[in-house]
Amino acid sequence: MEVYIASMYFTLATITTVGFGDITGFTAPERILCIILMIIGVFSFSFSISSLSSMLSSIDSRNANLNEKLSTLNKIKKDYRIGFEFYRRLKMALKYDY
């Protein structure tokens, strides 16, 4: 059992790129604790990266939506020849809503 725990520790240390540093587990309970901590670290890092990616994606889609609305407003301005002040206020309202 000791050999399996050591091999699992070595495999996880290699896969998670934690490295083998100066402080390592020598007994089976220490290695099991290290394995658990490495797995928790991988899940935490994965969750953080996915949350950041989701936030950036949301910001990007909102920005694209604003640009589409501003483009439509520009077309309306040209088609209906609305005044500059009214156009400016509509544009400010769209940006404020964003």
Protein backbone atom coordinates (compact mmCIF):
# COMPACT_ATOMS: atom_id res chain seq x y z
CA MET A 1 0.00 0.00 0.00
CA GLU A 2 2.92 2.34 0.79
CA VAL A 3 4.23 2.00 -2.77
CA TYR A 4 0.83 2.82 -4.28
CA ILE A 5 0.49 5.93 -2.15
CA ALA A 6 4.03 7.02 -3.10
CA SER A 7 3.32 6.47 -6.79
CA MET A 8 0.01 8.36 -6.55
CA TYR A 9 1.84 11.21 -4.80
CA PHE A 10 4.53 11.28 -7.48
CA THR A 11 1.95 11.18 -10.28
CA LEU A 12 -0.16 13.99 -8.84
CA ALA A 13 2.89 16.12 -8.06
CA THR A 14 3.96 15.72 -11.69
CA ILE A 15 0.52 16.30 -13.24
CA THR A 16 -0.35 19.31 -11.08
CA THR A 17 3.13 20.75 -11.70
CA VAL A 18 3.49 21.44 -8.00
CA GLY A 19 7.01 20.10 -8.22
CA PHE A 20 9.00 18.10 -5.76
CA GLY A 21 10.58 20.96 -3.72
CA ASP A 22 12.42 20.67 -0.46
CA ILE A 23 9.37 19.91 1.66
CA THR A 24 7.78 16.61 0.76
CA GLY A 25 5.76 13.95 2.51
CA PHE A 26 7.77 10.95 3.69
CA THR A 27 5.17 8.86 5.47
CA ALA A 28 1.92 7.53 4.05
CA PRO A 29 -0.34 9.95 6.00
CA GLU A 30 1.79 12.93 4.93
CA ARG A 31 1.60 11.87 1.29
CA ILE A 32 -2.16 11.33 1.51
CA LEU A 33 -2.55 14.83 2.94
CA CYS A 34 -0.38 16.22 0.12
CA ILE A 35 -2.49 14.37 -2.45
CA ILE A 36 -5.69 15.81 -0.99
CA LEU A 37 -4.22 19.33 -0.93
CA MET A 38 -3.03 19.05 -4.54
CA ILE A 39 -6.48 17.92 -5.68
CA ILE A 40 -8.14 20.78 -3.77
CA GLY A 41 -5.63 23.19 -5.33
CA VAL A 42 -6.37 21.98 -8.85
CA PHE A 43 -10.13 22.33 -8.33
CA SER A 44 -9.72 25.79 -6.78
CA PHE A 45 -7.53 26.99 -9.62
CA SER A 46 -9.90 25.54 -12.23
CA PHE A 47 -12.90 27.21 -10.60
CA SER A 48 -11.08 30.56 -10.44
CA ILE A 49 -10.08 30.45 -14.10
CA SER A 50 -13.56 29.41 -15.25
CA SER A 51 -15.16 32.21 -13.20
CA LEU A 52 -12.79 34.77 -14.66
CA SER A 53 -13.44 33.48 -18.17
CA SER A 54 -17.19 33.64 -17.61
CA MET A 55 -16.98 37.24 -16.36
CA LEU A 56 -14.88 38.32 -19.34
CA SER A 57 -17.27 36.61 -21.73
CA SER A 58 -20.22 38.37 -20.13
CA ILE A 59 -18.51 41.74 -20.43
CA ASP A 60 -17.68 41.06 -24.06
CA SER A 61 -21.27 40.12 -24.95
CA ARG A 62 -22.63 43.21 -23.18
CA ASN A 63 -20.14 45.38 -25.07
CA ALA A 64 -21.20 43.80 -28.38
CA ASN A 65 -24.86 44.45 -27.50
CA LEU A 66 -24.09 48.12 -26.77
CA ASN A 67 -22.23 48.50 -30.05
CA GLU A 68 -25.18 46.99 -31.92
CA LYS A 69 -27.59 49.43 -30.26
CA LEU A 70 -25.32 52.39 -31.04
CA SER A 71 -25.08 51.25 -34.65
CA THR A 72 -28.88 51.08 -34.88
CA LEU A 73 -29.10 54.54 -33.33
CA ASN A 74 -26.68 55.89 -35.98
CA LYS A 75 -28.84 54.41 -38.74
CA ILE A 76 -31.95 55.98 -37.22
CA LYS A 77 -30.17 59.33 -37.02
CA LYS A 78 -29.30 59.19 -40.72
CA ASP A 79 -32.67 57.85 -41.88
CA TYR A 80 -34.89 60.19 -39.86
CA ARG A 81 -32.46 63.13 -39.63
CA ILE A 82 -32.92 63.65 -35.93
CA GLY A 83 -31.24 66.60 -34.27
CA PHE A 84 -27.79 66.37 -32.75
CA GLU A 85 -28.92 67.19 -29.21
CA PHE A 86 -31.66 64.54 -29.26
CA TYR A 87 -29.18 62.04 -30.75
CA ARG A 88 -26.63 62.87 -28.05
CA ARG A 89 -29.20 62.35 -25.29
CA LEU A 90 -30.31 59.01 -26.72
CA LYS A 91 -26.68 57.92 -27.00
CA MET A 92 -26.01 58.95 -23.39
CA ALA A 93 -29.12 57.04 -22.27
CA LEU A 94 -27.92 53.89 -24.04
CA LYS A 95 -24.47 54.17 -22.50
CA TYR A 96 -25.98 54.83 -19.08
CA ASP A 97 -28.16 51.74 -19.42
CA TYR A 98 -25.08 49.73 -20.35
